[in-house]
Amino acid sequence: MSPKPKRILCIGMPVRDLTFGVQAVPGRGQKFHADRFAQICGGNALNAAIGINRLGGHASLTGPMGDASETSSRYIFDDLAKEGIDTSHLVHMPGLVTPISGIMMDPSGERTIISFRDPELWKVRLPDADLLLKDCDAILIESRCAPFATSLCAEARRRGLPVVVDVDSAISQSEGLLSASSHLIFSDEALQATAGITDDVAALKKMAKHTSSFLAATRGAKGTIWLDEQQNLRETPAFPVHTVDTLGAGDIFHGAFTLELTAGQDIPHALRFASAAAALKCTRYGGAFACPQRPEVEELLSHSTASAPART
């Protein structure tokens, strides 16, 4: 009998993404023709949930959405149902608008994003902790959701559950998630902005003074840096691929990492697995819906070398 899939609760704000393929990002006052267009659902936690399910886990999603009658909400629920994601804990907020993003992707696969999130969404009240954490093996949370979910994460830690935080924008050095988490994975931009230091290594070591959580920073094609239990700097190289679409790659990374961590894998393996999953996603258009299946990731890993040694 195969083991029961790990259940991961993803906390975030689902987003309706309008994506445009462009030859260059327009300047102020310019008009450009798009080469392609797609409407997909997105958002950090939602994208990670897609990755978790594609890679063999079982994701559920909680967080605020707009009014149940709006087009965006119905569209997102339909797409998530196709992916088998549990949406029963998402919270509709009457009269509000589900977040929406306009995304431009250039030929290199790099994306430029403008988003709208109604400020009232942060006033959401999530379902009861006992309901959300029932049969839960781990939490993955967007750092922007700290105002309404830190107490839930703290309760999860009290119950011995891993809490992985996707930090993709600056947070306060006294942020509650620094103590209500087990693993903090920053984007390099968010790490530098949070620490107030432009050097990634120095910034990572500065943040280690503020939290006992595992710390890592993703740097795109430059790979991931992280601190081991002795506070030595380690590196996990990125996989060289032909990139056409980076949208959702970081979210797939976080979902894959959380899934492997929850399955009992060690940090080096979890990071390499996550890096491989994100790399394969970058070779395909479609945001997180281009996430690979688990056998594809394992195939890439089987033909790759081990991670880089420790550095002091």
C-alpha atoms as a PDB file:
ATOM      1  CA  MET A   1       0.000   0.000   0.000  1.00  0.00           C
ATOM      2  CA  SER A   2       1.412   3.410  -0.966  1.00  0.00           C
ATOM      3  CA  PRO A   3       1.811   5.962   1.870  1.00  0.00           C
ATOM      4  CA  LYS A   4      -0.957   8.477   2.441  1.00  0.00           C
ATOM      5  CA  PRO A   5      -0.194  11.789   0.646  1.00  0.00           C
ATOM      6  CA  LYS A   6       1.042  14.507   2.967  1.00  0.00           C
ATOM      7  CA  ARG A   7      -1.573  17.195   3.576  1.00  0.00           C
ATOM      8  CA  ILE A   8      -0.253  20.737   3.469  1.00  0.00           C
ATOM      9  CA  LEU A   9      -2.350  23.771   4.346  1.00  0.00           C
ATOM     10  CA  CYS A  10      -1.443  26.703   2.092  1.00  0.00           C
ATOM     11  CA  ILE A  11      -2.333  30.163   3.409  1.00  0.00           C
ATOM     12  CA  GLY A  12      -2.552  33.005   0.924  1.00  0.00           C
ATOM     13  CA  MET A  13      -4.566  35.208  -1.379  1.00  0.00           C
ATOM     14  CA  PRO A  14      -5.731  33.631  -4.636  1.00  0.00           C
ATOM     15  CA  VAL A  15      -5.248  35.934  -7.632  1.00  0.00           C
ATOM     16  CA  ARG A  16      -6.739  36.161 -11.103  1.00  0.00           C
ATOM     17  CA  ASP A  17      -3.764  36.591 -13.476  1.00  0.00           C
ATOM     18  CA  LEU A  18      -4.032  38.198 -16.908  1.00  0.00           C
ATOM     19  CA  THR A  19      -0.767  37.328 -18.676  1.00  0.00           C
ATOM     20  CA  PHE A  20       0.684  38.902 -21.814  1.00  0.00           C
ATOM     21  CA  GLY A  21       3.698  37.797 -23.812  1.00  0.00           C
ATOM     22  CA  VAL A  22       5.566  40.891 -25.052  1.00  0.00           C
ATOM     23  CA  GLN A  23       8.821  41.560 -26.882  1.00  0.00           C
ATOM     24  CA  ALA A  24       9.672  44.292 -24.360  1.00  0.00           C
ATOM     25  CA  VAL A  25       8.008  45.915 -21.360  1.00  0.00           C
ATOM     26  CA  PRO A  26       6.373  49.170 -22.536  1.00  0.00           C
ATOM     27  CA  GLY A  27       7.668  52.488 -21.280  1.00  0.00           C
ATOM     28  CA  ARG A  28       5.483  55.280 -19.954  1.00  0.00           C
ATOM     29  CA  GLY A  29       2.844  56.320 -22.476  1.00  0.00           C
ATOM     30  CA  GLN A  30       3.734  53.599 -24.990  1.00  0.00           C
ATOM     31  CA  LYS A  31       1.482  51.025 -26.617  1.00  0.00           C
ATOM     32  CA  PHE A  32       2.700  47.504 -27.386  1.00  0.00           C
ATOM     33  CA  HIS A  33       1.195  44.504 -29.137  1.00  0.00           C
ATOM     34  CA  ALA A  34       1.156  41.258 -27.139  1.00  0.00           C
ATOM     35  CA  ASP A  35       2.284  38.064 -28.849  1.00  0.00           C
ATOM     36  CA  ARG A  36       0.094  35.869 -26.649  1.00  0.00           C
ATOM     37  CA  PHE A  37      -2.444  36.101 -23.853  1.00  0.00           C
ATOM     38  CA  ALA A  38      -3.663  33.726 -21.175  1.00  0.00           C
ATOM     39  CA  GLN A  39      -5.961  34.037 -18.188  1.00  0.00           C
ATOM     40  CA  ILE A  40      -4.958  31.825 -15.272  1.00  0.00           C
ATOM     41  CA  CYS A  41      -5.400  31.793 -11.524  1.00  0.00           C
ATOM     42  CA  GLY A  42      -2.361  32.495  -9.405  1.00  0.00           C
ATOM     43  CA  GLY A  43      -1.007  33.854  -6.145  1.00  0.00           C
ATOM     44  CA  ASN A  44       1.915  32.446  -4.156  1.00  0.00           C
ATOM     45  CA  ALA A  45       0.014  29.962  -2.005  1.00  0.00           C
ATOM     46  CA  LEU A  46      -2.339  28.920  -4.791  1.00  0.00           C
ATOM     47  CA  ASN A  47       0.586  28.248  -7.133  1.00  0.00           C
ATOM     48  CA  ALA A  48       2.382  26.295  -4.429  1.00  0.00           C
ATOM     49  CA  ALA A  49      -0.768  24.223  -3.868  1.00  0.00           C
ATOM     50  CA  ILE A  50      -0.813  23.281  -7.549  1.00  0.00           C
ATOM     51  CA  GLY A  51       2.804  22.192  -7.262  1.00  0.00           C
ATOM     52  CA  ILE A  52       2.155  20.159  -4.125  1.00  0.00           C
ATOM     53  CA  ASN A  53      -0.665  18.215  -5.776  1.00  0.00           C
ATOM     54  CA  ARG A  54       1.240  17.700  -9.034  1.00  0.00           C
ATOM     55  CA  LEU A  55       4.226  16.357  -7.077  1.00  0.00           C
ATOM     56  CA  GLY A  56       2.266  13.838  -5.027  1.00  0.00           C
ATOM     57  CA  GLY A  57       0.925  15.702  -2.004  1.00  0.00           C
ATOM     58  CA  HIS A  58      -2.512  16.932  -1.038  1.00  0.00           C
ATOM     59  CA  ALA A  59      -2.968  20.697  -0.672  1.00  0.00           C
ATOM     60  CA  SER A  60      -5.769  22.630   0.936  1.00  0.00           C
ATOM     61  CA  LEU A  61      -6.075  26.389   0.660  1.00  0.00           C
ATOM     62  CA  THR A  62      -7.280  29.058   3.053  1.00  0.00           C
ATOM     63  CA  GLY A  63      -7.336  32.829   2.830  1.00  0.00           C
ATOM     64  CA  PRO A  64      -9.582  35.663   1.674  1.00  0.00           C
ATOM     65  CA  MET A  65     -11.385  35.958  -1.642  1.00  0.00           C
ATOM     66  CA  GLY A  66     -13.814  38.520  -3.005  1.00  0.00           C
ATOM     67  CA  ASP A  67     -17.577  38.280  -3.187  1.00  0.00           C
ATOM     68  CA  ALA A  68     -18.845  34.808  -4.084  1.00  0.00           C
ATOM     69  CA  SER A  69     -20.821  36.224  -7.006  1.00  0.00           C
ATOM     70  CA  GLU A  70     -17.895  37.819  -8.854  1.00  0.00           C
ATOM     71  CA  THR A  71     -16.433  36.292 -12.022  1.00  0.00           C
ATOM     72  CA  SER A  72     -12.899  35.932 -10.644  1.00  0.00           C
ATOM     73  CA  SER A  73     -14.020  33.792  -7.714  1.00  0.00           C
ATOM     74  CA  ARG A  74     -15.975  31.376  -9.885  1.00  0.00           C
ATOM     75  CA  TYR A  75     -13.110  31.135 -12.370  1.00  0.00           C
ATOM     76  CA  ILE A  76     -10.544  30.357  -9.659  1.00  0.00           C
ATOM     77  CA  PHE A  77     -12.712  27.735  -7.965  1.00  0.00           C
ATOM     78  CA  ASP A  78     -13.284  25.945 -11.270  1.00  0.00           C
ATOM     79  CA  ASP A  79      -9.551  25.759 -12.015  1.00  0.00           C
ATOM     80  CA  LEU A  80      -8.627  24.578  -8.519  1.00  0.00           C
ATOM     81  CA  ALA A  81     -11.255  21.854  -8.666  1.00  0.00           C
ATOM     82  CA  LYS A  82      -9.571  20.489 -11.782  1.00  0.00           C
ATOM     83  CA  GLU A  83      -6.300  20.262  -9.827  1.00  0.00           C
ATOM     84  CA  GLY A  84      -7.930  18.447  -6.915  1.00  0.00           C
ATOM     85  CA  ILE A  85      -7.120  21.195  -4.412  1.00  0.00           C
ATOM     86  CA  ASP A  86      -9.325  21.465  -1.318  1.00  0.00           C
ATOM     87  CA  THR A  87     -10.931  24.921  -1.426  1.00  0.00           C
ATOM     88  CA  SER A  88     -13.465  24.382   1.345  1.00  0.00           C
ATOM     89  CA  HIS A  89     -11.574  26.690   3.735  1.00  0.00           C
ATOM     90  CA  LEU A  90     -11.333  29.729   1.443  1.00  0.00           C
ATOM     91  CA  VAL A  91     -13.266  32.690   2.853  1.00  0.00           C
ATOM     92  CA  HIS A  92     -15.523  34.826   0.623  1.00  0.00           C
ATOM     93  CA  MET A  93     -15.785  38.455   1.735  1.00  0.00           C
ATOM     94  CA  PRO A  94     -19.029  40.121   0.578  1.00  0.00           C
ATOM     95  CA  GLY A  95     -18.627  43.193  -1.612  1.00  0.00           C
ATOM     96  CA  LEU A  96     -14.868  42.836  -2.047  1.00  0.00           C
ATOM     97  CA  VAL A  97     -12.828  42.076  -5.155  1.00  0.00           C
ATOM     98  CA  THR A  98     -10.594  39.028  -5.472  1.00  0.00           C
ATOM     99  CA  PRO A  99      -6.992  40.140  -6.148  1.00  0.00           C
ATOM    100  CA  ILE A 100      -6.118  40.595  -9.816  1.00  0.00           C
ATOM    101  CA  SER A 101      -2.770  40.960 -11.611  1.00  0.00           C
ATOM    102  CA  GLY A 102      -1.626  42.109 -15.028  1.00  0.00           C
ATOM    103  CA  ILE A 103       1.559  40.268 -15.996  1.00  0.00           C
ATOM    104  CA  MET A 104       3.918  40.956 -18.897  1.00  0.00           C
ATOM    105  CA  MET A 105       6.530  38.341 -19.851  1.00  0.00           C
ATOM    106  CA  ASP A 106       9.423  39.185 -22.171  1.00  0.00           C
ATOM    107  CA  PRO A 107      11.270  36.685 -24.434  1.00  0.00           C
ATOM    108  CA  SER A 108      13.716  35.786 -21.630  1.00  0.00           C
ATOM    109  CA  GLY A 109      10.822  34.568 -19.488  1.00  0.00           C
ATOM    110  CA  GLU A 110      11.193  37.402 -16.972  1.00  0.00           C
ATOM    111  CA  ARG A 111       7.904  38.838 -15.723  1.00  0.00           C
ATOM    112  CA  THR A 112       6.734  42.316 -14.769  1.00  0.00           C
ATOM    113  CA  ILE A 113       3.669  42.349 -12.514  1.00  0.00           C
ATOM    114  CA  ILE A 114       1.148  44.919 -11.374  1.00  0.00           C
ATOM    115  CA  SER A 115      -1.383  43.722  -8.796  1.00  0.00           C
ATOM    116  CA  PHE A 116      -4.439  45.011  -6.963  1.00  0.00           C
ATOM    117  CA  ARG A 117      -5.383  43.642  -3.553  1.00  0.00           C
ATOM    118  CA  ASP A 118      -8.294  45.255  -1.744  1.00  0.00           C
ATOM    119  CA  PRO A 119      -7.011  46.487   1.649  1.00  0.00           C
ATOM    120  CA  GLU A 120     -10.179  45.135   3.275  1.00  0.00           C
ATOM    121  CA  LEU A 121      -9.077  41.569   2.470  1.00  0.00           C
ATOM    122  CA  TRP A 122      -6.598  41.711   5.349  1.00  0.00           C
ATOM    123  CA  LYS A 123      -9.528  41.884   7.789  1.00  0.00           C
ATOM    124  CA  VAL A 124     -10.500  38.292   7.010  1.00  0.00           C
ATOM    125  CA  ARG A 125     -11.186  35.880   9.848  1.00  0.00           C
ATOM    126  CA  LEU A 126      -9.958  32.416   9.020  1.00  0.00           C
ATOM    127  CA  PRO A 127     -11.837  29.272  10.095  1.00  0.00           C
ATOM    128  CA  ASP A 128     -11.109  27.790  13.526  1.00  0.00           C
ATOM    129  CA  ALA A 129      -7.592  26.426  14.070  1.00  0.00           C
ATOM    130  CA  ASP A 130      -8.854  22.980  15.081  1.00  0.00           C
ATOM    131  CA  LEU A 131     -10.660  22.686  11.751  1.00  0.00           C
ATOM    132  CA  LEU A 132      -7.754  23.966   9.656  1.00  0.00           C
ATOM    133  CA  LEU A 133      -5.096  21.872  11.404  1.00  0.00           C
ATOM    134  CA  LYS A 134      -7.076  18.637  11.512  1.00  0.00           C
ATOM    135  CA  ASP A 135      -5.014  15.949   9.719  1.00  0.00           C
ATOM    136  CA  CYS A 136      -2.594  18.703   8.635  1.00  0.00           C
ATOM    137  CA  ASP A 137       1.079  17.749   8.206  1.00  0.00           C
ATOM    138  CA  ALA A 138       2.524  21.225   7.538  1.00  0.00           C
ATOM    139  CA  ILE A 139       1.693  24.835   6.760  1.00  0.00           C
ATOM    140  CA  LEU A 140       3.004  26.930   3.878  1.00  0.00           C
ATOM    141  CA  ILE A 141       2.184  30.629   4.180  1.00  0.00           C
ATOM    142  CA  GLU A 142       2.758  33.796   2.163  1.00  0.00           C
ATOM    143  CA  SER A 143       4.501  36.328   4.416  1.00  0.00           C
ATOM    144  CA  ARG A 144       1.969  39.015   3.417  1.00  0.00           C
ATOM    145  CA  CYS A 145      -0.706  36.997   5.263  1.00  0.00           C
ATOM    146  CA  ALA A 146       0.960  37.498   8.642  1.00  0.00           C
ATOM    147  CA  PRO A 147      -1.678  40.011   9.865  1.00  0.00           C
ATOM    148  CA  PHE A 148      -4.433  37.401   9.869  1.00  0.00           C
ATOM    149  CA  ALA A 149      -2.564  34.088  10.161  1.00  0.00           C
ATOM    150  CA  THR A 150       0.387  34.441  12.571  1.00  0.00           C
ATOM    151  CA  SER A 151      -1.648  33.098  15.489  1.00  0.00           C
ATOM    152  CA  LEU A 152      -2.619  30.044  13.432  1.00  0.00           C
ATOM    153  CA  CYS A 153       1.037  29.436  12.573  1.00  0.00           C
ATOM    154  CA  ALA A 154       2.016  29.764  16.227  1.00  0.00           C
ATOM    155  CA  GLU A 155      -0.619  27.173  17.138  1.00  0.00           C
ATOM    156  CA  ALA A 156       0.698  24.861  14.426  1.00  0.00           C
ATOM    157  CA  ARG A 157       4.207  25.156  15.881  1.00  0.00           C
ATOM    158  CA  ARG A 158       2.843  24.350  19.346  1.00  0.00           C
ATOM    159  CA  ARG A 159       1.448  21.167  17.822  1.00  0.00           C
ATOM    160  CA  GLY A 160       4.827  20.309  16.341  1.00  0.00           C
ATOM    161  CA  LEU A 161       3.946  21.049  12.710  1.00  0.00           C
ATOM    162  CA  PRO A 162       6.442  22.589  10.279  1.00  0.00           C
ATOM    163  CA  VAL A 163       5.556  26.126   9.188  1.00  0.00           C
ATOM    164  CA  VAL A 164       7.299  27.238   5.993  1.00  0.00           C
ATOM    165  CA  VAL A 165       7.115  30.946   5.129  1.00  0.00           C
ATOM    166  CA  ASP A 166       7.454  32.237   1.570  1.00  0.00           C
ATOM    167  CA  VAL A 167       8.950  35.716   2.077  1.00  0.00           C
ATOM    168  CA  ASP A 168       8.757  37.592  -1.228  1.00  0.00           C
ATOM    169  CA  SER A 169       8.557  41.153   0.098  1.00  0.00           C
ATOM    170  CA  ALA A 170      10.186  43.035   2.962  1.00  0.00           C
ATOM    171  CA  ILE A 171       9.037  42.153   6.474  1.00  0.00           C
ATOM    172  CA  SER A 172       9.768  43.757   9.831  1.00  0.00           C
ATOM    173  CA  GLN A 173      12.735  42.384  11.758  1.00  0.00           C
ATOM    174  CA  SER A 174      10.270  41.966  14.638  1.00  0.00           C
ATOM    175  CA  GLU A 175       7.659  40.192  12.483  1.00  0.00           C
ATOM    176  CA  GLY A 176       5.738  37.548  14.443  1.00  0.00           C
ATOM    177  CA  LEU A 177       6.344  34.928  11.762  1.00  0.00           C
ATOM    178  CA  LEU A 178      10.043  34.977  12.661  1.00  0.00           C
ATOM    179  CA  SER A 179       9.111  33.047  15.803  1.00  0.00           C
ATOM    180  CA  ALA A 180       5.911  31.378  14.548  1.00  0.00           C
ATOM    181  CA  SER A 181       7.760  29.486  11.794  1.00  0.00           C
ATOM    182  CA  SER A 182      10.178  26.612  11.385  1.00  0.00           C
ATOM    183  CA  HIS A 183      11.533  27.572   7.941  1.00  0.00           C
ATOM    184  CA  LEU A 184      11.859  30.988   6.282  1.00  0.00           C
ATOM    185  CA  ILE A 185      12.689  31.096   2.584  1.00  0.00           C
ATOM    186  CA  PHE A 186      13.288  34.594   1.217  1.00  0.00           C
ATOM    187  CA  SER A 187      13.621  35.831  -2.313  1.00  0.00           C
ATOM    188  CA  ASP A 188      16.959  37.644  -2.498  1.00  0.00           C
ATOM    189  CA  GLU A 189      15.205  41.003  -3.018  1.00  0.00           C
ATOM    190  CA  ALA A 190      13.029  40.466   0.073  1.00  0.00           C
ATOM    191  CA  LEU A 191      16.022  39.331   2.116  1.00  0.00           C
ATOM    192  CA  GLN A 192      18.038  42.433   1.267  1.00  0.00           C
ATOM    193  CA  ALA A 193      15.081  44.755   1.902  1.00  0.00           C
ATOM    194  CA  THR A 194      14.311  43.100   5.248  1.00  0.00           C
ATOM    195  CA  ALA A 195      17.902  43.059   6.497  1.00  0.00           C
ATOM    196  CA  GLY A 196      18.803  46.450   5.028  1.00  0.00           C
ATOM    197  CA  ILE A 197      21.928  44.912   3.478  1.00  0.00           C
ATOM    198  CA  THR A 198      22.597  44.420  -0.231  1.00  0.00           C
ATOM    199  CA  ASP A 199      24.922  41.435   0.248  1.00  0.00           C
ATOM    200  CA  ASP A 200      22.852  38.225   0.378  1.00  0.00           C
ATOM    201  CA  VAL A 201      25.229  36.317   2.659  1.00  0.00           C
ATOM    202  CA  ALA A 202      25.552  39.125   5.184  1.00  0.00           C
ATOM    203  CA  ALA A 203      21.802  39.671   5.081  1.00  0.00           C
ATOM    204  CA  LEU A 204      21.091  36.002   5.741  1.00  0.00           C
ATOM    205  CA  LYS A 205      23.462  35.933   8.723  1.00  0.00           C
ATOM    206  CA  LYS A 206      21.929  39.114  10.091  1.00  0.00           C
ATOM    207  CA  MET A 207      18.455  37.552   9.981  1.00  0.00           C
ATOM    208  CA  ALA A 208      19.792  34.532  11.877  1.00  0.00           C
ATOM    209  CA  LYS A 209      20.149  36.839  14.887  1.00  0.00           C
ATOM    210  CA  HIS A 210      16.390  37.469  14.862  1.00  0.00           C
ATOM    211  CA  THR A 211      15.025  33.925  14.493  1.00  0.00           C
ATOM    212  CA  SER A 212      15.821  30.305  15.250  1.00  0.00           C
ATOM    213  CA  SER A 213      14.055  29.182  12.059  1.00  0.00           C
ATOM    214  CA  PHE A 214      15.911  27.630   9.143  1.00  0.00           C
ATOM    215  CA  LEU A 215      16.930  30.398   6.731  1.00  0.00           C
ATOM    216  CA  ALA A 216      17.389  30.318   2.966  1.00  0.00           C
ATOM    217  CA  ALA A 217      17.309  32.758   0.067  1.00  0.00           C
ATOM    218  CA  THR A 218      16.411  31.928  -3.524  1.00  0.00           C
ATOM    219  CA  ARG A 219      18.364  33.775  -6.227  1.00  0.00           C
ATOM    220  CA  GLY A 220      16.924  32.524  -9.495  1.00  0.00           C
ATOM    221  CA  ALA A 221      19.591  31.226 -11.872  1.00  0.00           C
ATOM    222  CA  LYS A 222      22.239  31.755  -9.165  1.00  0.00           C
ATOM    223  CA  GLY A 223      20.681  29.041  -7.013  1.00  0.00           C
ATOM    224  CA  THR A 224      19.801  29.029  -3.316  1.00  0.00           C
ATOM    225  CA  ILE A 225      21.925  29.903  -0.291  1.00  0.00           C
ATOM    226  CA  TRP A 226      21.099  28.676   3.196  1.00  0.00           C
ATOM    227  CA  LEU A 227      22.481  28.244   6.687  1.00  0.00           C
ATOM    228  CA  ASP A 228      22.975  24.793   8.170  1.00  0.00           C
ATOM    229  CA  GLU A 229      22.574  23.929  11.864  1.00  0.00           C
ATOM    230  CA  GLN A 230      26.089  25.210  12.604  1.00  0.00           C
ATOM    231  CA  GLN A 231      25.293  28.491  10.800  1.00  0.00           C
ATOM    232  CA  ASN A 232      27.662  27.610   7.962  1.00  0.00           C
ATOM    233  CA  LEU A 233      26.723  28.932   4.554  1.00  0.00           C
ATOM    234  CA  ARG A 234      25.611  26.294   2.077  1.00  0.00           C
ATOM    235  CA  GLU A 235      24.628  26.578  -1.565  1.00  0.00           C
ATOM    236  CA  THR A 236      22.220  24.609  -3.741  1.00  0.00           C
ATOM    237  CA  PRO A 237      22.932  25.300  -7.422  1.00  0.00           C
ATOM    238  CA  ALA A 238      20.157  26.042  -9.878  1.00  0.00           C
ATOM    239  CA  PHE A 239      19.570  23.670 -12.774  1.00  0.00           C
ATOM    240  CA  PRO A 240      20.580  25.190 -16.137  1.00  0.00           C
ATOM    241  CA  VAL A 241      17.532  25.189 -18.415  1.00  0.00           C
ATOM    242  CA  HIS A 242      16.172  27.174 -21.336  1.00  0.00           C
ATOM    243  CA  THR A 243      13.805  29.589 -19.595  1.00  0.00           C
ATOM    244  CA  VAL A 244      10.628  30.804 -21.300  1.00  0.00           C
ATOM    245  CA  ASP A 245       8.340  31.598 -18.348  1.00  0.00           C
ATOM    246  CA  THR A 246       9.391  32.284 -14.739  1.00  0.00           C
ATOM    247  CA  LEU A 247       5.855  33.023 -13.517  1.00  0.00           C
ATOM    248  CA  GLY A 248       5.097  30.780 -10.536  1.00  0.00           C
ATOM    249  CA  ALA A 249       8.554  29.181 -10.427  1.00  0.00           C
ATOM    250  CA  GLY A 250       9.341  30.464  -6.941  1.00  0.00           C
ATOM    251  CA  ASP A 251       5.975  29.264  -5.682  1.00  0.00           C
ATOM    252  CA  ILE A 252       6.556  25.797  -7.127  1.00  0.00           C
ATOM    253  CA  PHE A 253       9.924  25.838  -5.330  1.00  0.00           C
ATOM    254  CA  HIS A 254       8.256  26.545  -1.990  1.00  0.00           C
ATOM    255  CA  GLY A 255       5.564  23.930  -2.511  1.00  0.00           C
ATOM    256  CA  ALA A 256       8.062  21.257  -3.535  1.00  0.00           C
ATOM    257  CA  PHE A 257      10.375  22.076  -0.622  1.00  0.00           C
ATOM    258  CA  THR A 258       7.538  21.887   1.911  1.00  0.00           C
ATOM    259  CA  LEU A 259       6.305  18.609   0.492  1.00  0.00           C
ATOM    260  CA  GLU A 260       9.728  16.927   0.688  1.00  0.00           C
ATOM    261  CA  LEU A 261      10.425  18.348   4.144  1.00  0.00           C
ATOM    262  CA  THR A 262       7.080  17.013   5.381  1.00  0.00           C
ATOM    263  CA  ALA A 263       7.885  13.607   3.895  1.00  0.00           C
ATOM    264  CA  GLY A 264      10.960  13.402   6.124  1.00  0.00           C
ATOM    265  CA  GLN A 265      13.649  14.279   3.592  1.00  0.00           C
ATOM    266  CA  ASP A 266      16.698  16.248   4.738  1.00  0.00           C
ATOM    267  CA  ILE A 267      17.290  19.884   3.822  1.00  0.00           C
ATOM    268  CA  PRO A 268      19.813  19.304   0.992  1.00  0.00           C
ATOM    269  CA  HIS A 269      17.453  16.878  -0.741  1.00  0.00           C
ATOM    270  CA  ALA A 270      14.388  19.067  -0.231  1.00  0.00           C
ATOM    271  CA  LEU A 271      16.173  22.082  -1.708  1.00  0.00           C
ATOM    272  CA  ARG A 272      17.500  20.178  -4.734  1.00  0.00           C
ATOM    273  CA  PHE A 273      14.100  18.646  -5.392  1.00  0.00           C
ATOM    274  CA  ALA A 274      12.519  22.098  -5.162  1.00  0.00           C
ATOM    275  CA  SER A 275      15.155  23.585  -7.461  1.00  0.00           C
ATOM    276  CA  ALA A 276      14.583  20.856 -10.055  1.00  0.00           C
ATOM    277  CA  ALA A 277      10.804  21.302  -9.972  1.00  0.00           C
ATOM    278  CA  ALA A 278      11.123  25.085 -10.378  1.00  0.00           C
ATOM    279  CA  ALA A 279      13.630  24.711 -13.222  1.00  0.00           C
ATOM    280  CA  LEU A 280      11.356  22.400 -15.204  1.00  0.00           C
ATOM    281  CA  LYS A 281       8.441  24.787 -14.699  1.00  0.00           C
ATOM    282  CA  CYS A 282      10.525  27.602 -16.220  1.00  0.00           C
ATOM    283  CA  THR A 283      10.843  25.668 -19.491  1.00  0.00           C
ATOM    284  CA  ARG A 284       7.082  25.864 -20.103  1.00  0.00           C
ATOM    285  CA  TYR A 285       4.445  28.554 -20.440  1.00  0.00           C
ATOM    286  CA  GLY A 286       1.441  28.607 -18.130  1.00  0.00           C
ATOM    287  CA  GLY A 287       2.518  29.832 -14.701  1.00  0.00           C
ATOM    288  CA  ALA A 288       2.112  27.200 -12.004  1.00  0.00           C
ATOM    289  CA  PHE A 289      -0.060  25.146 -14.344  1.00  0.00           C
ATOM    290  CA  ALA A 290       3.202  24.295 -16.120  1.00  0.00           C
ATOM    291  CA  CYS A 291       4.464  22.534 -12.986  1.00  0.00           C
ATOM    292  CA  PRO A 292       5.982  19.129 -13.800  1.00  0.00           C
ATOM    293  CA  GLN A 293       4.839  15.800 -12.448  1.00  0.00           C
ATOM    294  CA  ARG A 294       6.990  14.004  -9.874  1.00  0.00           C
ATOM    295  CA  PRO A 295       8.574  11.446 -12.275  1.00  0.00           C
ATOM    296  CA  GLU A 296       9.897  14.331 -14.408  1.00  0.00           C
ATOM    297  CA  VAL A 297      11.600  15.908 -11.392  1.00  0.00           C
ATOM    298  CA  GLU A 298      13.092  12.594 -10.317  1.00  0.00           C
ATOM    299  CA  GLU A 299      14.389  12.028 -13.839  1.00  0.00           C
ATOM    300  CA  LEU A 300      16.168  15.400 -13.827  1.00  0.00           C
ATOM    301  CA  LEU A 301      17.646  14.704 -10.402  1.00  0.00           C
ATOM    302  CA  SER A 302      18.919  11.288 -11.495  1.00  0.00           C
ATOM    303  CA  HIS A 303      21.098  12.931 -14.152  1.00  0.00           C
ATOM    304  CA  SER A 304      22.466  15.727 -11.945  1.00  0.00           C
ATOM    305  CA  THR A 305      25.402  16.068  -9.580  1.00  0.00           C
ATOM    306  CA  ALA A 306      25.264  16.559  -5.824  1.00  0.00           C
ATOM    307  CA  SER A 307      24.786  19.967  -4.194  1.00  0.00           C
ATOM    308  CA  ALA A 308      27.681  22.303  -3.471  1.00  0.00           C
ATOM    309  CA  PRO A 309      29.812  21.853  -0.312  1.00  0.00           C
ATOM    310  CA  ALA A 310      29.564  24.023   2.766  1.00  0.00           C
ATOM    311  CA  ARG A 311      31.282  27.413   2.996  1.00  0.00           C
ATOM    312  CA  THR A 312      32.143  29.386   6.089  1.00  0.00           C
END
